[in-house]
Amino acid sequence: MGNSLSIENVSAGYGSVTVLSDVSVHAGDGETVVLLGTNGNGKTTLMRCITGQVVPSRGTIVAEIDGERHNLIGLSTEEIVDLGISLVPEGRRLFPRLTVEENLTLGAYRQSARERIGANMDFCFEVFPRLKERRTQLAGSMSGGEQQMLALARALMASPKILLIDEPSVGLAPILVARMIDKIAELKTALGLTVMMAEQNFEQAARIANRGYVLVHGQVAFAADSVEDLRNSDVVRRLYLGVG
């Protein structure tokens, strides 16, 4: 039974402003798919469409969870999370005046996840020992790297099947970016996740992605069947590699 995500011909925006135009992307079961694009090109809006925070004006968004297909358009964010789709949002969006442990507990929204709070928290502390050391510390007093660990761990507390990650490298030093990307790859393998990750750092994302898409002005400028195809595309070479 697979876990996949299919976005077909989605257009969306805010009021009279169109941000996405006929965007089609797909993440197959067990894949890590990267959405490349600089700020303002629609990556976050697409994530919000998937999670029900923005309703597309046209197109379809279908998630397959454990082999069962679900039309996500029209569902609330809570219903989408309950299906098994978790988001690590850009900017982390933690509760700064709550402790590490309290933030993690709030991540266990799904009914099935509530039954596994203890086991999931133990797993998060095993994966991120720093969080265990700081379990009683207020999230707002932690470093940027620690907060990103917490945001990722909070998403895992929902026992997701599909994990959406929006700009995990923002605000982190290069060495922390590399560690975070490696940790995402480790978790994807350990938990059998399907991952869709929006990222600007091509070199780091390319280390763990199976394939990807480049968004430019709210449209898919290039769709690649492999990281090598991404690396060799004129769009990526011009925007990310300084060639051409």
C-alpha atoms as a PDB file:
ATOM      1  CA  MET A   1       0.000   0.000   0.000  1.00  0.00           C
ATOM      2  CA  GLY A   2       1.550   3.248  -1.154  1.00  0.00           C
ATOM      3  CA  ASN A   3       1.690   6.834   0.014  1.00  0.00           C
ATOM      4  CA  SER A   4       1.884   9.396  -2.761  1.00  0.00           C
ATOM      5  CA  LEU A   5       0.848  12.920  -3.670  1.00  0.00           C
ATOM      6  CA  SER A   6      -0.432  14.142  -7.052  1.00  0.00           C
ATOM      7  CA  ILE A   7      -1.018  17.815  -7.864  1.00  0.00           C
ATOM      8  CA  GLU A   8      -2.507  18.409 -11.301  1.00  0.00           C
ATOM      9  CA  ASN A   9      -3.010  21.770 -13.059  1.00  0.00           C
ATOM     10  CA  VAL A  10      -3.363  23.722  -9.826  1.00  0.00           C
ATOM     11  CA  SER A  11      -3.843  27.475  -9.957  1.00  0.00           C
ATOM     12  CA  ALA A  12      -4.126  29.508  -6.760  1.00  0.00           C
ATOM     13  CA  GLY A  13      -3.475  32.893  -5.228  1.00  0.00           C
ATOM     14  CA  TYR A  14      -4.622  35.477  -2.751  1.00  0.00           C
ATOM     15  CA  GLY A  15      -7.568  37.656  -3.729  1.00  0.00           C
ATOM     16  CA  SER A  16      -6.964  39.012  -7.210  1.00  0.00           C
ATOM     17  CA  VAL A  17      -3.273  38.027  -7.167  1.00  0.00           C
ATOM     18  CA  THR A  18      -2.475  34.744  -8.929  1.00  0.00           C
ATOM     19  CA  VAL A  19       0.557  32.974  -7.485  1.00  0.00           C
ATOM     20  CA  LEU A  20       0.360  29.499  -9.069  1.00  0.00           C
ATOM     21  CA  SER A  21      -0.646  28.794 -12.665  1.00  0.00           C
ATOM     22  CA  ASP A  22      -1.348  25.247 -13.866  1.00  0.00           C
ATOM     23  CA  VAL A  23       1.182  23.593 -11.574  1.00  0.00           C
ATOM     24  CA  SER A  24       1.511  19.810 -11.814  1.00  0.00           C
ATOM     25  CA  VAL A  25       3.900  17.908  -9.526  1.00  0.00           C
ATOM     26  CA  HIS A  26       3.984  14.380  -8.153  1.00  0.00           C
ATOM     27  CA  ALA A  27       5.693  12.564  -5.296  1.00  0.00           C
ATOM     28  CA  GLY A  28       5.600   8.784  -5.552  1.00  0.00           C
ATOM     29  CA  ASP A  29       5.632   6.288  -2.723  1.00  0.00           C
ATOM     30  CA  GLY A  30       8.878   6.542  -0.748  1.00  0.00           C
ATOM     31  CA  GLU A  31      10.326   9.330  -2.900  1.00  0.00           C
ATOM     32  CA  THR A  32      11.997  12.549  -1.827  1.00  0.00           C
ATOM     33  CA  VAL A  33      10.960  15.229  -4.308  1.00  0.00           C
ATOM     34  CA  VAL A  34      12.406  18.733  -4.171  1.00  0.00           C
ATOM     35  CA  LEU A  35      10.619  21.918  -5.245  1.00  0.00           C
ATOM     36  CA  LEU A  36      13.262  24.439  -6.215  1.00  0.00           C
ATOM     37  CA  GLY A  37      12.578  28.142  -6.534  1.00  0.00           C
ATOM     38  CA  THR A  38      13.686  31.455  -5.128  1.00  0.00           C
ATOM     39  CA  ASN A  39      11.447  33.492  -2.812  1.00  0.00           C
ATOM     40  CA  GLY A  40       8.169  34.598  -4.333  1.00  0.00           C
ATOM     41  CA  ASN A  41       7.871  31.833  -6.907  1.00  0.00           C
ATOM     42  CA  GLY A  42       5.042  29.922  -5.234  1.00  0.00           C
ATOM     43  CA  LYS A  43       6.620  27.094  -3.226  1.00  0.00           C
ATOM     44  CA  THR A  44       4.976  28.033   0.072  1.00  0.00           C
ATOM     45  CA  THR A  45       1.631  28.702  -1.616  1.00  0.00           C
ATOM     46  CA  LEU A  46       1.744  25.196  -3.094  1.00  0.00           C
ATOM     47  CA  MET A  47       2.425  23.744   0.354  1.00  0.00           C
ATOM     48  CA  ARG A  48      -0.530  25.711   1.698  1.00  0.00           C
ATOM     49  CA  CYS A  49      -2.745  24.342  -1.058  1.00  0.00           C
ATOM     50  CA  ILE A  50      -1.772  20.777  -0.169  1.00  0.00           C
ATOM     51  CA  THR A  51      -2.513  21.361   3.527  1.00  0.00           C
ATOM     52  CA  GLY A  52      -5.840  23.131   2.977  1.00  0.00           C
ATOM     53  CA  GLN A  53      -4.699  26.591   4.042  1.00  0.00           C
ATOM     54  CA  VAL A  54      -5.269  27.945   0.526  1.00  0.00           C
ATOM     55  CA  VAL A  55      -8.070  26.679  -1.732  1.00  0.00           C
ATOM     56  CA  PRO A  56      -6.994  26.426  -5.402  1.00  0.00           C
ATOM     57  CA  SER A  57      -9.107  28.164  -8.013  1.00  0.00           C
ATOM     58  CA  ARG A  58      -8.676  25.146 -10.276  1.00  0.00           C
ATOM     59  CA  GLY A  59      -6.911  21.790 -10.461  1.00  0.00           C
ATOM     60  CA  THR A  60      -6.807  18.656  -8.321  1.00  0.00           C
ATOM     61  CA  ILE A  61      -4.769  17.513  -5.316  1.00  0.00           C
ATOM     62  CA  VAL A  62      -4.977  13.819  -4.494  1.00  0.00           C
ATOM     63  CA  ALA A  63      -3.120  11.958  -1.754  1.00  0.00           C
ATOM     64  CA  GLU A  64      -2.848   8.203  -1.635  1.00  0.00           C
ATOM     65  CA  ILE A  65      -2.488   7.037   1.969  1.00  0.00           C
ATOM     66  CA  ASP A  66      -1.936   3.342   2.573  1.00  0.00           C
ATOM     67  CA  GLY A  67      -3.300   2.663  -0.900  1.00  0.00           C
ATOM     68  CA  GLU A  68      -6.506   4.704  -0.450  1.00  0.00           C
ATOM     69  CA  ARG A  69      -7.015   7.827  -2.564  1.00  0.00           C
ATOM     70  CA  HIS A  70      -8.216  11.081  -0.976  1.00  0.00           C
ATOM     71  CA  ASN A  71      -9.217  14.310  -2.716  1.00  0.00           C
ATOM     72  CA  LEU A  72      -7.662  17.001  -0.523  1.00  0.00           C
ATOM     73  CA  ILE A  73      -9.430  19.994  -2.030  1.00  0.00           C
ATOM     74  CA  GLY A  74     -12.286  20.984   0.222  1.00  0.00           C
ATOM     75  CA  LEU A  75     -10.876  19.241   3.288  1.00  0.00           C
ATOM     76  CA  SER A  76      -9.866  21.262   6.332  1.00  0.00           C
ATOM     77  CA  THR A  77      -6.244  21.391   7.463  1.00  0.00           C
ATOM     78  CA  GLU A  78      -7.191  19.266  10.471  1.00  0.00           C
ATOM     79  CA  GLU A  79      -8.730  16.608   8.236  1.00  0.00           C
ATOM     80  CA  ILE A  80      -5.646  16.553   6.005  1.00  0.00           C
ATOM     81  CA  VAL A  81      -3.326  16.166   8.987  1.00  0.00           C
ATOM     82  CA  ASP A  82      -5.562  13.386  10.267  1.00  0.00           C
ATOM     83  CA  LEU A  83      -5.065  11.506   6.998  1.00  0.00           C
ATOM     84  CA  GLY A  84      -1.339  11.348   7.677  1.00  0.00           C
ATOM     85  CA  ILE A  85       0.132  14.462   6.028  1.00  0.00           C
ATOM     86  CA  SER A  86       2.392  16.673   8.161  1.00  0.00           C
ATOM     87  CA  LEU A  87       4.000  20.015   7.353  1.00  0.00           C
ATOM     88  CA  VAL A  88       7.233  21.484   8.676  1.00  0.00           C
ATOM     89  CA  PRO A  89       6.431  25.134   7.899  1.00  0.00           C
ATOM     90  CA  GLU A  90       8.792  27.828   6.753  1.00  0.00           C
ATOM     91  CA  GLY A  91       9.912  29.833   9.773  1.00  0.00           C
ATOM     92  CA  ARG A  92       9.257  26.827  12.086  1.00  0.00           C
ATOM     93  CA  ARG A  93       6.059  28.315  13.622  1.00  0.00           C
ATOM     94  CA  LEU A  94       6.754  26.936  17.070  1.00  0.00           C
ATOM     95  CA  PHE A  95       4.996  27.971  20.268  1.00  0.00           C
ATOM     96  CA  PRO A  96       7.846  30.042  21.750  1.00  0.00           C
ATOM     97  CA  ARG A  97       6.464  30.206  25.298  1.00  0.00           C
ATOM     98  CA  LEU A  98       5.904  26.476  25.526  1.00  0.00           C
ATOM     99  CA  THR A  99       8.605  23.941  26.299  1.00  0.00           C
ATOM    100  CA  VAL A 100      10.151  21.482  23.887  1.00  0.00           C
ATOM    101  CA  GLU A 101       8.053  18.680  25.354  1.00  0.00           C
ATOM    102  CA  GLU A 102       4.845  20.738  25.165  1.00  0.00           C
ATOM    103  CA  ASN A 103       5.505  21.631  21.508  1.00  0.00           C
ATOM    104  CA  LEU A 104       6.040  17.970  20.703  1.00  0.00           C
ATOM    105  CA  THR A 105       2.878  16.916  22.495  1.00  0.00           C
ATOM    106  CA  LEU A 106       0.849  19.411  20.463  1.00  0.00           C
ATOM    107  CA  GLY A 107       2.193  17.778  17.301  1.00  0.00           C
ATOM    108  CA  ALA A 108       0.319  14.578  18.120  1.00  0.00           C
ATOM    109  CA  TYR A 109      -2.988  15.833  16.727  1.00  0.00           C
ATOM    110  CA  ARG A 110      -4.085  12.668  14.918  1.00  0.00           C
ATOM    111  CA  GLN A 111      -6.118  10.203  16.947  1.00  0.00           C
ATOM    112  CA  SER A 112      -3.741   7.391  16.019  1.00  0.00           C
ATOM    113  CA  ALA A 113      -0.780   9.570  16.998  1.00  0.00           C
ATOM    114  CA  ARG A 114      -2.274  10.353  20.415  1.00  0.00           C
ATOM    115  CA  GLU A 115      -2.123   6.669  21.168  1.00  0.00           C
ATOM    116  CA  ARG A 116       1.609   6.717  20.399  1.00  0.00           C
ATOM    117  CA  ILE A 117       2.684   9.940  22.122  1.00  0.00           C
ATOM    118  CA  GLY A 118       5.144   8.208  24.423  1.00  0.00           C
ATOM    119  CA  ALA A 119       6.730   6.042  21.736  1.00  0.00           C
ATOM    120  CA  ASN A 120       6.904   8.887  19.207  1.00  0.00           C
ATOM    121  CA  MET A 121       8.446  11.253  21.738  1.00  0.00           C
ATOM    122  CA  ASP A 122      11.034   8.657  22.688  1.00  0.00           C
ATOM    123  CA  PHE A 123      11.839   8.252  18.989  1.00  0.00           C
ATOM    124  CA  CYS A 124      12.210  12.033  18.521  1.00  0.00           C
ATOM    125  CA  PHE A 125      14.522  12.258  21.524  1.00  0.00           C
ATOM    126  CA  GLU A 126      16.574   9.368  20.156  1.00  0.00           C
ATOM    127  CA  VAL A 127      16.880  11.037  16.757  1.00  0.00           C
ATOM    128  CA  PHE A 128      17.491  14.498  18.242  1.00  0.00           C
ATOM    129  CA  PRO A 129      19.359  14.029  21.550  1.00  0.00           C
ATOM    130  CA  ARG A 130      19.685  17.814  21.895  1.00  0.00           C
ATOM    131  CA  LEU A 131      15.924  18.066  22.254  1.00  0.00           C
ATOM    132  CA  LYS A 132      15.946  15.522  25.060  1.00  0.00           C
ATOM    133  CA  GLU A 133      18.563  17.603  26.874  1.00  0.00           C
ATOM    134  CA  ARG A 134      16.318  20.660  26.496  1.00  0.00           C
ATOM    135  CA  ARG A 135      12.918  19.045  26.957  1.00  0.00           C
ATOM    136  CA  THR A 136      11.911  21.579  29.648  1.00  0.00           C
ATOM    137  CA  GLN A 137      13.398  24.611  27.866  1.00  0.00           C
ATOM    138  CA  LEU A 138      11.132  27.200  26.229  1.00  0.00           C
ATOM    139  CA  ALA A 139      11.201  26.840  22.440  1.00  0.00           C
ATOM    140  CA  GLY A 140      11.664  30.573  21.935  1.00  0.00           C
ATOM    141  CA  SER A 141      14.953  30.553  23.842  1.00  0.00           C
ATOM    142  CA  MET A 142      16.588  27.924  21.623  1.00  0.00           C
ATOM    143  CA  SER A 143      19.016  28.458  18.763  1.00  0.00           C
ATOM    144  CA  GLY A 144      17.827  28.435  15.139  1.00  0.00           C
ATOM    145  CA  GLY A 145      19.215  24.959  14.553  1.00  0.00           C
ATOM    146  CA  GLU A 146      17.545  23.591  17.668  1.00  0.00           C
ATOM    147  CA  GLN A 147      14.246  25.191  16.696  1.00  0.00           C
ATOM    148  CA  GLN A 148      14.424  23.567  13.255  1.00  0.00           C
ATOM    149  CA  MET A 149      15.040  20.198  14.917  1.00  0.00           C
ATOM    150  CA  LEU A 150      11.985  20.806  17.086  1.00  0.00           C
ATOM    151  CA  ALA A 151       9.820  21.802  14.114  1.00  0.00           C
ATOM    152  CA  LEU A 152      10.786  18.608  12.300  1.00  0.00           C
ATOM    153  CA  ALA A 153      10.268  16.477  15.407  1.00  0.00           C
ATOM    154  CA  ARG A 154       6.870  18.061  16.039  1.00  0.00           C
ATOM    155  CA  ALA A 155       5.758  17.028  12.544  1.00  0.00           C
ATOM    156  CA  LEU A 156       6.919  13.470  13.241  1.00  0.00           C
ATOM    157  CA  MET A 157       4.779  13.342  16.388  1.00  0.00           C
ATOM    158  CA  ALA A 158       1.728  13.050  14.106  1.00  0.00           C
ATOM    159  CA  SER A 159       3.001   9.700  12.750  1.00  0.00           C
ATOM    160  CA  PRO A 160       2.830  10.988   9.151  1.00  0.00           C
ATOM    161  CA  LYS A 161       2.947   8.971   5.966  1.00  0.00           C
ATOM    162  CA  ILE A 162       3.649  12.027   3.791  1.00  0.00           C
ATOM    163  CA  LEU A 163       5.970  14.768   5.091  1.00  0.00           C
ATOM    164  CA  LEU A 164       6.006  18.279   3.612  1.00  0.00           C
ATOM    165  CA  ILE A 165       9.020  20.431   4.469  1.00  0.00           C
ATOM    166  CA  ASP A 166       9.107  24.123   3.566  1.00  0.00           C
ATOM    167  CA  GLU A 167      12.570  25.742   3.396  1.00  0.00           C
ATOM    168  CA  PRO A 168      14.415  23.777   6.101  1.00  0.00           C
ATOM    169  CA  SER A 169      17.672  25.664   5.454  1.00  0.00           C
ATOM    170  CA  VAL A 170      16.356  29.195   6.080  1.00  0.00           C
ATOM    171  CA  GLY A 171      18.317  31.004   8.777  1.00  0.00           C
ATOM    172  CA  LEU A 172      20.769  28.178   9.415  1.00  0.00           C
ATOM    173  CA  ALA A 173      24.559  28.165   9.108  1.00  0.00           C
ATOM    174  CA  PRO A 174      25.856  25.994   6.230  1.00  0.00           C
ATOM    175  CA  ILE A 175      27.072  23.202   8.506  1.00  0.00           C
ATOM    176  CA  LEU A 176      23.661  23.060  10.215  1.00  0.00           C
ATOM    177  CA  VAL A 177      21.927  22.978   6.832  1.00  0.00           C
ATOM    178  CA  ALA A 178      23.956  19.918   5.847  1.00  0.00           C
ATOM    179  CA  ARG A 179      23.139  18.190   9.126  1.00  0.00           C
ATOM    180  CA  MET A 180      19.430  18.952   8.812  1.00  0.00           C
ATOM    181  CA  ILE A 181      19.288  17.663   5.235  1.00  0.00           C
ATOM    182  CA  ASP A 182      21.085  14.480   6.299  1.00  0.00           C
ATOM    183  CA  LYS A 183      18.621  14.046   9.161  1.00  0.00           C
ATOM    184  CA  ILE A 184      15.666  14.364   6.769  1.00  0.00           C
ATOM    185  CA  ALA A 185      17.152  11.612   4.602  1.00  0.00           C
ATOM    186  CA  GLU A 186      17.719   9.438   7.664  1.00  0.00           C
ATOM    187  CA  LEU A 187      14.151   9.875   8.884  1.00  0.00           C
ATOM    188  CA  LYS A 188      12.677   9.259   5.436  1.00  0.00           C
ATOM    189  CA  THR A 189      14.445   5.910   5.264  1.00  0.00           C
ATOM    190  CA  ALA A 190      13.788   4.904   8.874  1.00  0.00           C
ATOM    191  CA  LEU A 191      10.059   5.701   8.744  1.00  0.00           C
ATOM    192  CA  GLY A 192       9.358   4.911   5.081  1.00  0.00           C
ATOM    193  CA  LEU A 193       8.127   8.436   4.426  1.00  0.00           C
ATOM    194  CA  THR A 194       7.194  10.109   1.178  1.00  0.00           C
ATOM    195  CA  VAL A 195       8.793  13.565   1.296  1.00  0.00           C
ATOM    196  CA  MET A 196       8.102  16.753  -0.662  1.00  0.00           C
ATOM    197  CA  MET A 197      10.595  19.474   0.227  1.00  0.00           C
ATOM    198  CA  ALA A 198      10.647  23.102  -0.895  1.00  0.00           C
ATOM    199  CA  GLU A 199      14.189  24.420  -0.873  1.00  0.00           C
ATOM    200  CA  GLN A 200      16.422  27.132  -2.347  1.00  0.00           C
ATOM    201  CA  ASN A 201      19.737  25.424  -1.598  1.00  0.00           C
ATOM    202  CA  PHE A 202      20.134  23.242  -4.677  1.00  0.00           C
ATOM    203  CA  GLU A 203      23.358  21.495  -3.709  1.00  0.00           C
ATOM    204  CA  GLN A 204      22.056  20.388  -0.324  1.00  0.00           C
ATOM    205  CA  ALA A 205      18.648  19.330  -1.632  1.00  0.00           C
ATOM    206  CA  ALA A 206      20.237  17.423  -4.509  1.00  0.00           C
ATOM    207  CA  ARG A 207      22.119  15.194  -2.067  1.00  0.00           C
ATOM    208  CA  ILE A 208      18.928  13.489  -0.868  1.00  0.00           C
ATOM    209  CA  ALA A 209      16.313  14.080  -3.585  1.00  0.00           C
ATOM    210  CA  ASN A 210      15.244  11.434  -6.081  1.00  0.00           C
ATOM    211  CA  ARG A 211      14.089  14.079  -8.530  1.00  0.00           C
ATOM    212  CA  GLY A 212      12.496  17.508  -8.568  1.00  0.00           C
ATOM    213  CA  TYR A 213      10.815  20.510 -10.112  1.00  0.00           C
ATOM    214  CA  VAL A 214      11.804  24.145 -10.614  1.00  0.00           C
ATOM    215  CA  LEU A 215       9.130  26.778  -9.995  1.00  0.00           C
ATOM    216  CA  VAL A 216       9.550  30.135 -11.714  1.00  0.00           C
ATOM    217  CA  HIS A 217       6.864  32.831 -11.479  1.00  0.00           C
ATOM    218  CA  GLY A 218       4.359  30.312 -10.168  1.00  0.00           C
ATOM    219  CA  GLN A 219       4.784  27.786 -12.965  1.00  0.00           C
ATOM    220  CA  VAL A 220       6.784  24.597 -13.392  1.00  0.00           C
ATOM    221  CA  ALA A 221       9.731  25.762 -15.489  1.00  0.00           C
ATOM    222  CA  PHE A 222      11.396  22.353 -15.457  1.00  0.00           C
ATOM    223  CA  ALA A 223      10.426  18.852 -14.308  1.00  0.00           C
ATOM    224  CA  ALA A 224      13.254  16.360 -13.848  1.00  0.00           C
ATOM    225  CA  ASP A 225      13.127  12.588 -13.640  1.00  0.00           C
ATOM    226  CA  SER A 226      16.420  12.519 -11.743  1.00  0.00           C
ATOM    227  CA  VAL A 227      18.799  14.789  -9.854  1.00  0.00           C
ATOM    228  CA  GLU A 228      21.208  14.495 -12.768  1.00  0.00           C
ATOM    229  CA  ASP A 229      18.541  15.867 -15.098  1.00  0.00           C
ATOM    230  CA  LEU A 230      18.024  18.734 -12.658  1.00  0.00           C
ATOM    231  CA  ARG A 231      21.722  19.494 -12.545  1.00  0.00           C
ATOM    232  CA  ASN A 232      21.982  19.508 -16.324  1.00  0.00           C
ATOM    233  CA  SER A 233      18.929  21.682 -16.973  1.00  0.00           C
ATOM    234  CA  ASP A 234      19.503  25.171 -18.321  1.00  0.00           C
ATOM    235  CA  VAL A 235      17.136  26.632 -15.716  1.00  0.00           C
ATOM    236  CA  VAL A 236      19.058  25.160 -12.764  1.00  0.00           C
ATOM    237  CA  ARG A 237      22.437  25.924 -14.264  1.00  0.00           C
ATOM    238  CA  ARG A 238      21.422  29.564 -14.726  1.00  0.00           C
ATOM    239  CA  LEU A 239      19.593  30.121 -11.421  1.00  0.00           C
ATOM    240  CA  TYR A 240      21.599  27.949  -9.018  1.00  0.00           C
ATOM    241  CA  LEU A 241      24.943  27.014 -10.499  1.00  0.00           C
ATOM    242  CA  GLY A 242      25.933  30.349 -12.066  1.00  0.00           C
ATOM    243  CA  VAL A 243      26.381  28.811 -15.530  1.00  0.00           C
ATOM    244  CA  GLY A 244      25.029  30.298 -18.718  1.00  0.00           C
END
